[in-house]
């Protein structure tokens, strides 16, 4: 005899999935996927190595899963902070238990490492290192989020340096050339400062729970001035790397990309320093935070286009 699922049970499952999606924070999952695909295209343009969409898209999905896993873990470890800063999130709101979120995070971490493990040791090592960095950022005993620059260094390593190198590793070896590491350094430098844009809105809870982020330590105005240069410096590094002959892409293409990013970075830096108090009051989706993500994704894709263009 055929069985059917009751409407109530179906709605319950849909409700849990919606809560899990909120924990994963979907908007933040797009940049790592773009970064992996773009990094793979950069590697192909530089080396003309064999290309497999299955591997590249699998690596991109793994990057999104890894980011989702770290987002859930961060909300578990930040539950006391979120009770003050973001009480509507599922864990402080009581709609998802800490144990349930921990199971979800563990499952996402395991799934994120599966594809790299099947591809090869280089890709797996990079993803494992990134996973370790995200754990160290959120979880005790190290919990680098409590350190002003330690937090930024950890995020920049995982989502800047290692992300770009992993994209390259999905196509070609990363042990035979410094080029992927130099490109990763550009995005590392960007995130070393730009990642602080998420901390302004969390100052009250971070200070209460002993997380000494830059806005907590320096205050909003000085913190804004401290991170503003990081919207310029990465693109200057990109120009310098091209000038030194370290990049195999078109020099004119690199210069054009860097010039456009410098203009965009100048505008975002102006947003930061013009009214730092507004960054504190607007919540997690304030303009500078969103612009940081759009800048990063644009740079990923534009760099891939430069590498694929005829030279």
C-alpha atoms as a PDB file:
ATOM      1  CA  UNK A   1       0.000   0.000   0.000  1.00  0.00           C
ATOM      2  CA  UNK A   2       1.356   3.444  -0.896  1.00  0.00           C
ATOM      3  CA  UNK A   3       2.418   5.687   1.936  1.00  0.00           C
ATOM      4  CA  UNK A   4       2.325   9.450   2.012  1.00  0.00           C
ATOM      5  CA  UNK A   5       4.050  12.057   4.063  1.00  0.00           C
ATOM      6  CA  UNK A   6       1.765  14.266   6.110  1.00  0.00           C
ATOM      7  CA  UNK A   7       1.716  17.975   5.248  1.00  0.00           C
ATOM      8  CA  UNK A   8       2.805  18.759   8.786  1.00  0.00           C
ATOM      9  CA  UNK A   9       5.891  16.540   8.560  1.00  0.00           C
ATOM     10  CA  UNK A  10       6.765  18.017   5.172  1.00  0.00           C
ATOM     11  CA  UNK A  11       6.492  21.539   6.539  1.00  0.00           C
ATOM     12  CA  UNK A  12       8.663  20.537   9.516  1.00  0.00           C
ATOM     13  CA  UNK A  13      11.416  19.230   7.237  1.00  0.00           C
ATOM     14  CA  UNK A  14      11.200  22.339   5.079  1.00  0.00           C
ATOM     15  CA  UNK A  15      11.419  24.438   8.222  1.00  0.00           C
ATOM     16  CA  UNK A  16      14.586  22.664   9.379  1.00  0.00           C
ATOM     17  CA  UNK A  17      16.176  23.039   5.954  1.00  0.00           C
ATOM     18  CA  UNK A  18      15.379  26.755   5.964  1.00  0.00           C
ATOM     19  CA  UNK A  19      16.990  27.102   9.395  1.00  0.00           C
ATOM     20  CA  UNK A  20      20.073  25.196   8.247  1.00  0.00           C
ATOM     21  CA  UNK A  21      20.282  27.458   5.222  1.00  0.00           C
ATOM     22  CA  UNK A  22      20.185  30.501   7.493  1.00  0.00           C
ATOM     23  CA  UNK A  23      23.021  29.005   9.542  1.00  0.00           C
ATOM     24  CA  UNK A  24      25.045  28.466   6.354  1.00  0.00           C
ATOM     25  CA  UNK A  25      24.571  32.136   5.298  1.00  0.00           C
ATOM     26  CA  UNK A  26      24.173  31.607   1.525  1.00  0.00           C
ATOM     27  CA  UNK A  27      25.526  34.963   0.323  1.00  0.00           C
ATOM     28  CA  UNK A  28      28.915  34.196   1.887  1.00  0.00           C
ATOM     29  CA  UNK A  29      29.122  30.882   0.003  1.00  0.00           C
ATOM     30  CA  UNK A  30      29.312  32.456  -3.452  1.00  0.00           C
ATOM     31  CA  UNK A  31      32.776  34.099  -3.204  1.00  0.00           C
ATOM     32  CA  UNK A  32      34.659  30.852  -2.424  1.00  0.00           C
ATOM     33  CA  UNK A  33      32.925  29.088  -5.304  1.00  0.00           C
ATOM     34  CA  UNK A  34      33.790  31.948  -7.650  1.00  0.00           C
ATOM     35  CA  UNK A  35      37.339  31.988  -6.270  1.00  0.00           C
ATOM     36  CA  UNK A  36      37.907  28.290  -6.985  1.00  0.00           C
ATOM     37  CA  UNK A  37      36.489  28.376 -10.516  1.00  0.00           C
ATOM     38  CA  UNK A  38      38.344  31.594 -11.338  1.00  0.00           C
ATOM     39  CA  UNK A  39      41.556  30.229  -9.826  1.00  0.00           C
ATOM     40  CA  UNK A  40      41.227  27.127 -11.981  1.00  0.00           C
ATOM     41  CA  UNK A  41      40.759  29.280 -15.075  1.00  0.00           C
ATOM     42  CA  UNK A  42      43.850  31.282 -14.124  1.00  0.00           C
ATOM     43  CA  UNK A  43      45.833  28.039 -13.840  1.00  0.00           C
ATOM     44  CA  UNK A  44      44.551  26.845 -17.203  1.00  0.00           C
ATOM     45  CA  UNK A  45      45.446  30.157 -18.839  1.00  0.00           C
ATOM     46  CA  UNK A  46      48.929  30.036 -17.320  1.00  0.00           C
ATOM     47  CA  UNK A  47      49.770  26.354 -17.883  1.00  0.00           C
ATOM     48  CA  UNK A  48      47.276  25.002 -20.456  1.00  0.00           C
ATOM     49  CA  UNK A  49      47.091  21.861 -18.334  1.00  0.00           C
ATOM     50  CA  UNK A  50      44.263  19.387 -18.808  1.00  0.00           C
ATOM     51  CA  UNK A  51      40.858  20.659 -17.701  1.00  0.00           C
ATOM     52  CA  UNK A  52      38.075  18.732 -15.983  1.00  0.00           C
ATOM     53  CA  UNK A  53      34.802  20.487 -15.234  1.00  0.00           C
ATOM     54  CA  UNK A  54      33.920  17.648 -12.882  1.00  0.00           C
ATOM     55  CA  UNK A  55      36.993  18.317 -10.753  1.00  0.00           C
ATOM     56  CA  UNK A  56      36.680  22.111 -10.866  1.00  0.00           C
ATOM     57  CA  UNK A  57      32.980  22.214 -10.039  1.00  0.00           C
ATOM     58  CA  UNK A  58      33.484  19.578  -7.353  1.00  0.00           C
ATOM     59  CA  UNK A  59      36.233  21.703  -5.827  1.00  0.00           C
ATOM     60  CA  UNK A  60      33.977  24.773  -5.996  1.00  0.00           C
ATOM     61  CA  UNK A  61      31.146  22.914  -4.254  1.00  0.00           C
ATOM     62  CA  UNK A  62      33.613  21.708  -1.623  1.00  0.00           C
ATOM     63  CA  UNK A  63      34.725  25.305  -1.014  1.00  0.00           C
ATOM     64  CA  UNK A  64      31.115  26.367  -0.469  1.00  0.00           C
ATOM     65  CA  UNK A  65      30.532  23.455   1.914  1.00  0.00           C
ATOM     66  CA  UNK A  66      33.693  24.328   3.831  1.00  0.00           C
ATOM     67  CA  UNK A  67      32.573  27.941   4.156  1.00  0.00           C
ATOM     68  CA  UNK A  68      29.133  26.806   5.324  1.00  0.00           C
ATOM     69  CA  UNK A  69      30.732  24.478   7.887  1.00  0.00           C
ATOM     70  CA  UNK A  70      32.853  27.312   9.271  1.00  0.00           C
ATOM     71  CA  UNK A  71      29.837  29.646   9.356  1.00  0.00           C
ATOM     72  CA  UNK A  72      27.869  27.152  11.446  1.00  0.00           C
ATOM     73  CA  UNK A  73      30.835  26.496  13.760  1.00  0.00           C
ATOM     74  CA  UNK A  74      31.336  30.233  14.199  1.00  0.00           C
ATOM     75  CA  UNK A  75      27.719  30.692  15.248  1.00  0.00           C
ATOM     76  CA  UNK A  76      28.055  27.852  17.765  1.00  0.00           C
ATOM     77  CA  UNK A  77      31.153  29.433  19.297  1.00  0.00           C
ATOM     78  CA  UNK A  78      29.669  32.945  19.071  1.00  0.00           C
ATOM     79  CA  UNK A  79      26.290  32.107  20.573  1.00  0.00           C
ATOM     80  CA  UNK A  80      26.869  34.351  23.599  1.00  0.00           C
ATOM     81  CA  UNK A  81      27.933  37.210  21.323  1.00  0.00           C
ATOM     82  CA  UNK A  82      24.970  36.668  19.012  1.00  0.00           C
ATOM     83  CA  UNK A  83      22.512  36.816  21.919  1.00  0.00           C
ATOM     84  CA  UNK A  84      23.492  40.466  22.168  1.00  0.00           C
ATOM     85  CA  UNK A  85      24.316  41.328  18.543  1.00  0.00           C
ATOM     86  CA  UNK A  86      22.061  39.099  16.433  1.00  0.00           C
ATOM     87  CA  UNK A  87      19.399  37.462  18.629  1.00  0.00           C
ATOM     88  CA  UNK A  88      17.329  36.575  15.545  1.00  0.00           C
ATOM     89  CA  UNK A  89      19.873  33.976  14.387  1.00  0.00           C
ATOM     90  CA  UNK A  90      18.721  30.356  14.820  1.00  0.00           C
ATOM     91  CA  UNK A  91      20.970  29.391  17.756  1.00  0.00           C
ATOM     92  CA  UNK A  92      20.361  32.383  20.077  1.00  0.00           C
ATOM     93  CA  UNK A  93      16.696  32.362  19.028  1.00  0.00           C
ATOM     94  CA  UNK A  94      16.457  28.758  20.230  1.00  0.00           C
ATOM     95  CA  UNK A  95      15.150  27.366  16.935  1.00  0.00           C
ATOM     96  CA  UNK A  96      18.293  25.248  16.460  1.00  0.00           C
ATOM     97  CA  UNK A  97      20.103  23.633  19.388  1.00  0.00           C
ATOM     98  CA  UNK A  98      23.861  23.811  19.799  1.00  0.00           C
ATOM     99  CA  UNK A  99      24.123  20.024  19.479  1.00  0.00           C
ATOM    100  CA  UNK A 100      22.086  20.030  16.266  1.00  0.00           C
ATOM    101  CA  UNK A 101      24.252  22.792  14.810  1.00  0.00           C
ATOM    102  CA  UNK A 102      27.406  20.900  15.827  1.00  0.00           C
ATOM    103  CA  UNK A 103      26.210  17.810  13.953  1.00  0.00           C
ATOM    104  CA  UNK A 104      25.462  19.947  10.901  1.00  0.00           C
ATOM    105  CA  UNK A 105      28.884  21.609  11.021  1.00  0.00           C
ATOM    106  CA  UNK A 106      30.688  18.264  11.353  1.00  0.00           C
ATOM    107  CA  UNK A 107      28.750  16.815   8.413  1.00  0.00           C
ATOM    108  CA  UNK A 108      29.559  19.855   6.269  1.00  0.00           C
ATOM    109  CA  UNK A 109      33.267  19.677   7.133  1.00  0.00           C
ATOM    110  CA  UNK A 110      33.348  15.970   6.226  1.00  0.00           C
ATOM    111  CA  UNK A 111      31.545  16.571   2.935  1.00  0.00           C
ATOM    112  CA  UNK A 112      33.849  19.489   2.104  1.00  0.00           C
ATOM    113  CA  UNK A 113      36.945  17.301   2.439  1.00  0.00           C
ATOM    114  CA  UNK A 114      35.571  14.373   0.455  1.00  0.00           C
ATOM    115  CA  UNK A 115      36.041  15.752  -3.077  1.00  0.00           C
ATOM    116  CA  UNK A 116      39.594  17.037  -2.490  1.00  0.00           C
ATOM    117  CA  UNK A 117      40.518  13.664  -0.992  1.00  0.00           C
ATOM    118  CA  UNK A 118      39.327  11.941  -4.177  1.00  0.00           C
ATOM    119  CA  UNK A 119      41.199  14.360  -6.467  1.00  0.00           C
ATOM    120  CA  UNK A 120      44.692  14.248  -4.987  1.00  0.00           C
ATOM    121  CA  UNK A 121      46.946  15.009  -2.054  1.00  0.00           C
ATOM    122  CA  UNK A 122      47.738  18.616  -3.017  1.00  0.00           C
ATOM    123  CA  UNK A 123      44.105  19.689  -3.160  1.00  0.00           C
ATOM    124  CA  UNK A 124      43.248  17.740  -0.021  1.00  0.00           C
ATOM    125  CA  UNK A 125      46.163  19.282   1.901  1.00  0.00           C
ATOM    126  CA  UNK A 126      45.047  22.794   0.949  1.00  0.00           C
ATOM    127  CA  UNK A 127      41.423  22.167   1.955  1.00  0.00           C
ATOM    128  CA  UNK A 128      42.494  20.490   5.196  1.00  0.00           C
ATOM    129  CA  UNK A 129      44.706  23.484   6.036  1.00  0.00           C
ATOM    130  CA  UNK A 130      41.835  25.873   5.290  1.00  0.00           C
ATOM    131  CA  UNK A 131      39.475  23.781   7.433  1.00  0.00           C
ATOM    132  CA  UNK A 132      41.986  23.871  10.295  1.00  0.00           C
ATOM    133  CA  UNK A 133      42.286  27.651   9.969  1.00  0.00           C
ATOM    134  CA  UNK A 134      38.518  28.131  10.179  1.00  0.00           C
ATOM    135  CA  UNK A 135      38.414  25.925  13.284  1.00  0.00           C
ATOM    136  CA  UNK A 136      41.250  27.842  14.937  1.00  0.00           C
ATOM    137  CA  UNK A 137      39.455  31.107  14.199  1.00  0.00           C
ATOM    138  CA  UNK A 138      36.233  30.172  15.998  1.00  0.00           C
ATOM    139  CA  UNK A 139      36.907  27.429  18.516  1.00  0.00           C
ATOM    140  CA  UNK A 140      38.849  27.317  21.769  1.00  0.00           C
ATOM    141  CA  UNK A 141      41.511  26.976  22.949  1.00  0.00           C
ATOM    142  CA  UNK A 142      43.175  29.226  20.339  1.00  0.00           C
ATOM    143  CA  UNK A 143      40.066  31.035  19.075  1.00  0.00           C
ATOM    144  CA  UNK A 144      42.070  33.583  17.090  1.00  0.00           C
ATOM    145  CA  UNK A 145      38.941  35.716  16.789  1.00  0.00           C
ATOM    146  CA  UNK A 146      39.902  37.090  20.210  1.00  0.00           C
ATOM    147  CA  UNK A 147      43.065  38.659  18.745  1.00  0.00           C
ATOM    148  CA  UNK A 148      42.861  41.906  16.698  1.00  0.00           C
ATOM    149  CA  UNK A 149      45.171  40.827  13.869  1.00  0.00           C
ATOM    150  CA  UNK A 150      45.167  37.096  14.619  1.00  0.00           C
ATOM    151  CA  UNK A 151      41.557  36.895  13.485  1.00  0.00           C
ATOM    152  CA  UNK A 152      42.284  38.699  10.227  1.00  0.00           C
ATOM    153  CA  UNK A 153      45.392  36.596   9.554  1.00  0.00           C
ATOM    154  CA  UNK A 154      43.443  33.362   9.982  1.00  0.00           C
ATOM    155  CA  UNK A 155      40.607  34.409   7.672  1.00  0.00           C
ATOM    156  CA  UNK A 156      42.976  35.855   5.079  1.00  0.00           C
ATOM    157  CA  UNK A 157      45.002  32.632   5.033  1.00  0.00           C
ATOM    158  CA  UNK A 158      41.963  30.401   4.538  1.00  0.00           C
ATOM    159  CA  UNK A 159      39.824  32.514   2.228  1.00  0.00           C
ATOM    160  CA  UNK A 160      42.559  34.445   0.460  1.00  0.00           C
ATOM    161  CA  UNK A 161      45.841  32.590   0.053  1.00  0.00           C
ATOM    162  CA  UNK A 162      44.698  28.967   0.307  1.00  0.00           C
ATOM    163  CA  UNK A 163      41.526  29.517  -1.727  1.00  0.00           C
ATOM    164  CA  UNK A 164      43.386  30.839  -4.772  1.00  0.00           C
ATOM    165  CA  UNK A 165      46.082  28.187  -4.550  1.00  0.00           C
ATOM    166  CA  UNK A 166      43.405  25.484  -4.252  1.00  0.00           C
ATOM    167  CA  UNK A 167      41.735  26.736  -7.427  1.00  0.00           C
ATOM    168  CA  UNK A 168      45.063  26.381  -9.237  1.00  0.00           C
ATOM    169  CA  UNK A 169      45.614  22.923  -7.693  1.00  0.00           C
ATOM    170  CA  UNK A 170      42.339  21.684  -9.229  1.00  0.00           C
ATOM    171  CA  UNK A 171      44.054  22.028 -12.618  1.00  0.00           C
ATOM    172  CA  UNK A 172      47.820  21.956 -12.124  1.00  0.00           C
ATOM    173  CA  UNK A 173      50.545  21.359  -9.545  1.00  0.00           C
ATOM    174  CA  UNK A 174      51.194  24.128  -7.028  1.00  0.00           C
ATOM    175  CA  UNK A 175      54.642  22.887  -6.050  1.00  0.00           C
ATOM    176  CA  UNK A 176      56.368  23.724  -9.336  1.00  0.00           C
ATOM    177  CA  UNK A 177      55.667  27.462  -9.497  1.00  0.00           C
ATOM    178  CA  UNK A 178      55.440  30.468  -7.200  1.00  0.00           C
ATOM    179  CA  UNK A 179      52.770  32.037  -9.394  1.00  0.00           C
ATOM    180  CA  UNK A 180      49.665  30.627  -7.616  1.00  0.00           C
ATOM    181  CA  UNK A 181      51.129  31.610  -4.245  1.00  0.00           C
ATOM    182  CA  UNK A 182      51.830  35.158  -5.433  1.00  0.00           C
ATOM    183  CA  UNK A 183      48.270  35.492  -6.724  1.00  0.00           C
ATOM    184  CA  UNK A 184      47.012  34.105  -3.418  1.00  0.00           C
ATOM    185  CA  UNK A 185      49.084  36.720  -1.598  1.00  0.00           C
ATOM    186  CA  UNK A 186      47.143  39.478  -3.382  1.00  0.00           C
ATOM    187  CA  UNK A 187      43.834  38.174  -2.015  1.00  0.00           C
ATOM    188  CA  UNK A 188      45.434  37.426   1.366  1.00  0.00           C
ATOM    189  CA  UNK A 189      46.480  41.069   1.632  1.00  0.00           C
ATOM    190  CA  UNK A 190      43.014  42.265   0.629  1.00  0.00           C
ATOM    191  CA  UNK A 191      41.253  40.157   3.263  1.00  0.00           C
ATOM    192  CA  UNK A 192      43.846  40.954   5.920  1.00  0.00           C
ATOM    193  CA  UNK A 193      42.185  44.351   6.215  1.00  0.00           C
ATOM    194  CA  UNK A 194      38.836  44.066   4.454  1.00  0.00           C
ATOM    195  CA  UNK A 195      37.574  41.249   6.650  1.00  0.00           C
ATOM    196  CA  UNK A 196      37.292  43.749   9.521  1.00  0.00           C
ATOM    197  CA  UNK A 197      34.264  45.301   7.782  1.00  0.00           C
ATOM    198  CA  UNK A 198      32.153  42.568   9.403  1.00  0.00           C
ATOM    199  CA  UNK A 199      33.355  43.480  12.916  1.00  0.00           C
ATOM    200  CA  UNK A 200      32.019  47.013  13.269  1.00  0.00           C
ATOM    201  CA  UNK A 201      28.411  45.937  13.773  1.00  0.00           C
ATOM    202  CA  UNK A 202      29.446  43.324  16.376  1.00  0.00           C
ATOM    203  CA  UNK A 203      31.380  45.618  18.701  1.00  0.00           C
ATOM    204  CA  UNK A 204      29.037  45.423  21.685  1.00  0.00           C
ATOM    205  CA  UNK A 205      28.886  41.649  21.859  1.00  0.00           C
ATOM    206  CA  UNK A 206      32.550  41.157  20.947  1.00  0.00           C
ATOM    207  CA  UNK A 207      33.702  43.514  23.701  1.00  0.00           C
ATOM    208  CA  UNK A 208      31.438  41.858  26.271  1.00  0.00           C
ATOM    209  CA  UNK A 209      32.804  38.399  25.424  1.00  0.00           C
ATOM    210  CA  UNK A 210      36.480  39.351  25.242  1.00  0.00           C
ATOM    211  CA  UNK A 211      36.906  39.334  21.447  1.00  0.00           C
ATOM    212  CA  UNK A 212      39.385  42.143  20.843  1.00  0.00           C
ATOM    213  CA  UNK A 213      38.615  42.935  17.214  1.00  0.00           C
ATOM    214  CA  UNK A 214      40.165  46.016  15.636  1.00  0.00           C
ATOM    215  CA  UNK A 215      37.025  48.169  16.113  1.00  0.00           C
ATOM    216  CA  UNK A 216      36.899  47.129  19.790  1.00  0.00           C
ATOM    217  CA  UNK A 217      40.605  47.847  20.371  1.00  0.00           C
ATOM    218  CA  UNK A 218      40.980  50.989  18.253  1.00  0.00           C
ATOM    219  CA  UNK A 219      37.429  52.331  18.129  1.00  0.00           C
ATOM    220  CA  UNK A 220      35.425  52.675  14.883  1.00  0.00           C
ATOM    221  CA  UNK A 221      37.251  55.700  13.453  1.00  0.00           C
ATOM    222  CA  UNK A 222      40.823  54.510  13.990  1.00  0.00           C
ATOM    223  CA  UNK A 223      39.914  50.983  12.877  1.00  0.00           C
ATOM    224  CA  UNK A 224      38.434  52.350   9.650  1.00  0.00           C
ATOM    225  CA  UNK A 225      41.646  54.261   8.942  1.00  0.00           C
ATOM    226  CA  UNK A 226      43.730  51.175   9.834  1.00  0.00           C
ATOM    227  CA  UNK A 227      42.029  48.934   7.268  1.00  0.00           C
ATOM    228  CA  UNK A 228      41.500  51.516   4.500  1.00  0.00           C
ATOM    229  CA  UNK A 229      44.989  50.914   2.976  1.00  0.00           C
ATOM    230  CA  UNK A 230      44.138  47.246   2.409  1.00  0.00           C
ATOM    231  CA  UNK A 231      41.662  48.292  -0.271  1.00  0.00           C
ATOM    232  CA  UNK A 232      44.679  49.699  -2.207  1.00  0.00           C
ATOM    233  CA  UNK A 233      47.754  47.637  -1.304  1.00  0.00           C
ATOM    234  CA  UNK A 234      46.722  44.323  -2.939  1.00  0.00           C
ATOM    235  CA  UNK A 235      46.340  45.908  -6.355  1.00  0.00           C
ATOM    236  CA  UNK A 236      49.684  47.675  -6.013  1.00  0.00           C
ATOM    237  CA  UNK A 237      51.195  44.256  -5.207  1.00  0.00           C
ATOM    238  CA  UNK A 238      49.510  42.864  -8.336  1.00  0.00           C
ATOM    239  CA  UNK A 239      51.120  45.587 -10.477  1.00  0.00           C
ATOM    240  CA  UNK A 240      54.496  44.990  -8.822  1.00  0.00           C
ATOM    241  CA  UNK A 241      54.293  41.225  -9.415  1.00  0.00           C
ATOM    242  CA  UNK A 242      53.484  41.767 -13.089  1.00  0.00           C
ATOM    243  CA  UNK A 243      56.320  44.310 -13.417  1.00  0.00           C
ATOM    244  CA  UNK A 244      58.760  41.823 -11.903  1.00  0.00           C
ATOM    245  CA  UNK A 245      57.747  39.184 -14.462  1.00  0.00           C
ATOM    246  CA  UNK A 246      56.276  36.858 -11.839  1.00  0.00           C
ATOM    247  CA  UNK A 247      52.910  36.581 -13.587  1.00  0.00           C
ATOM    248  CA  UNK A 248      52.397  34.990 -16.986  1.00  0.00           C
ATOM    249  CA  UNK A 249      49.307  37.025 -17.894  1.00  0.00           C
ATOM    250  CA  UNK A 250      49.224  40.090 -20.131  1.00  0.00           C
ATOM    251  CA  UNK A 251      50.954  43.003 -18.403  1.00  0.00           C
ATOM    252  CA  UNK A 252      48.494  45.515 -19.860  1.00  0.00           C
ATOM    253  CA  UNK A 253      45.560  43.395 -18.721  1.00  0.00           C
ATOM    254  CA  UNK A 254      46.943  43.195 -15.184  1.00  0.00           C
ATOM    255  CA  UNK A 255      47.544  46.953 -15.112  1.00  0.00           C
ATOM    256  CA  UNK A 256      43.991  47.688 -16.299  1.00  0.00           C
ATOM    257  CA  UNK A 257      42.477  45.328 -13.726  1.00  0.00           C
ATOM    258  CA  UNK A 258      44.594  46.813 -10.942  1.00  0.00           C
ATOM    259  CA  UNK A 259      43.670  50.374 -11.955  1.00  0.00           C
ATOM    260  CA  UNK A 260      39.955  49.585 -11.839  1.00  0.00           C
ATOM    261  CA  UNK A 261      40.289  47.874  -8.459  1.00  0.00           C
ATOM    262  CA  UNK A 262      42.257  50.825  -7.098  1.00  0.00           C
ATOM    263  CA  UNK A 263      39.427  53.190  -8.083  1.00  0.00           C
ATOM    264  CA  UNK A 264      36.825  50.873  -6.549  1.00  0.00           C
ATOM    265  CA  UNK A 265      38.947  50.388  -3.436  1.00  0.00           C
ATOM    266  CA  UNK A 266      39.279  54.147  -3.067  1.00  0.00           C
ATOM    267  CA  UNK A 267      35.512  54.535  -3.121  1.00  0.00           C
ATOM    268  CA  UNK A 268      35.021  51.793  -0.503  1.00  0.00           C
ATOM    269  CA  UNK A 269      37.760  53.260   1.678  1.00  0.00           C
ATOM    270  CA  UNK A 270      35.895  56.566   1.507  1.00  0.00           C
ATOM    271  CA  UNK A 271      32.737  54.794   2.697  1.00  0.00           C
ATOM    272  CA  UNK A 272      34.697  53.450   5.647  1.00  0.00           C
ATOM    273  CA  UNK A 273      36.346  56.637   6.843  1.00  0.00           C
ATOM    274  CA  UNK A 274      33.548  59.065   5.995  1.00  0.00           C
ATOM    275  CA  UNK A 275      31.170  57.840   8.705  1.00  0.00           C
ATOM    276  CA  UNK A 276      32.546  54.953  10.817  1.00  0.00           C
ATOM    277  CA  UNK A 277      29.678  55.302  13.303  1.00  0.00           C
ATOM    278  CA  UNK A 278      27.275  54.275  10.535  1.00  0.00           C
ATOM    279  CA  UNK A 279      29.179  50.995  10.161  1.00  0.00           C
ATOM    280  CA  UNK A 280      28.377  50.222  13.787  1.00  0.00           C
ATOM    281  CA  UNK A 281      24.676  51.033  13.517  1.00  0.00           C
ATOM    282  CA  UNK A 282      23.685  49.489  10.183  1.00  0.00           C
ATOM    283  CA  UNK A 283      23.999  45.799  11.107  1.00  0.00           C
ATOM    284  CA  UNK A 284      25.930  42.995   9.406  1.00  0.00           C
ATOM    285  CA  UNK A 285      24.999  43.988   5.846  1.00  0.00           C
ATOM    286  CA  UNK A 286      26.351  47.535   5.850  1.00  0.00           C
ATOM    287  CA  UNK A 287      27.645  48.876   2.500  1.00  0.00           C
ATOM    288  CA  UNK A 288      31.381  48.361   3.117  1.00  0.00           C
ATOM    289  CA  UNK A 289      30.806  44.699   4.070  1.00  0.00           C
ATOM    290  CA  UNK A 290      28.836  44.028   0.887  1.00  0.00           C
ATOM    291  CA  UNK A 291      31.328  45.938  -1.252  1.00  0.00           C
ATOM    292  CA  UNK A 292      34.158  43.823   0.155  1.00  0.00           C
ATOM    293  CA  UNK A 293      32.454  40.692  -1.182  1.00  0.00           C
ATOM    294  CA  UNK A 294      31.649  42.233  -4.570  1.00  0.00           C
ATOM    295  CA  UNK A 295      35.207  43.523  -4.949  1.00  0.00           C
ATOM    296  CA  UNK A 296      36.624  40.100  -4.169  1.00  0.00           C
ATOM    297  CA  UNK A 297      34.373  38.248  -6.628  1.00  0.00           C
ATOM    298  CA  UNK A 298      34.985  40.812  -9.361  1.00  0.00           C
ATOM    299  CA  UNK A 299      38.744  40.548  -8.885  1.00  0.00           C
ATOM    300  CA  UNK A 300      38.539  36.735  -9.048  1.00  0.00           C
ATOM    301  CA  UNK A 301      36.628  36.773 -12.350  1.00  0.00           C
ATOM    302  CA  UNK A 302      38.526  39.664 -13.928  1.00  0.00           C
ATOM    303  CA  UNK A 303      41.882  38.035 -13.180  1.00  0.00           C
ATOM    304  CA  UNK A 304      40.656  34.836 -14.834  1.00  0.00           C
ATOM    305  CA  UNK A 305      39.622  36.834 -17.896  1.00  0.00           C
ATOM    306  CA  UNK A 306      43.070  38.441 -18.071  1.00  0.00           C
ATOM    307  CA  UNK A 307      44.792  35.059 -17.929  1.00  0.00           C
ATOM    308  CA  UNK A 308      42.527  33.582 -20.596  1.00  0.00           C
ATOM    309  CA  UNK A 309      42.941  36.531 -22.963  1.00  0.00           C
ATOM    310  CA  UNK A 310      45.399  36.133 -25.872  1.00  0.00           C
ATOM    311  CA  UNK A 311      48.867  37.453 -25.085  1.00  0.00           C
END
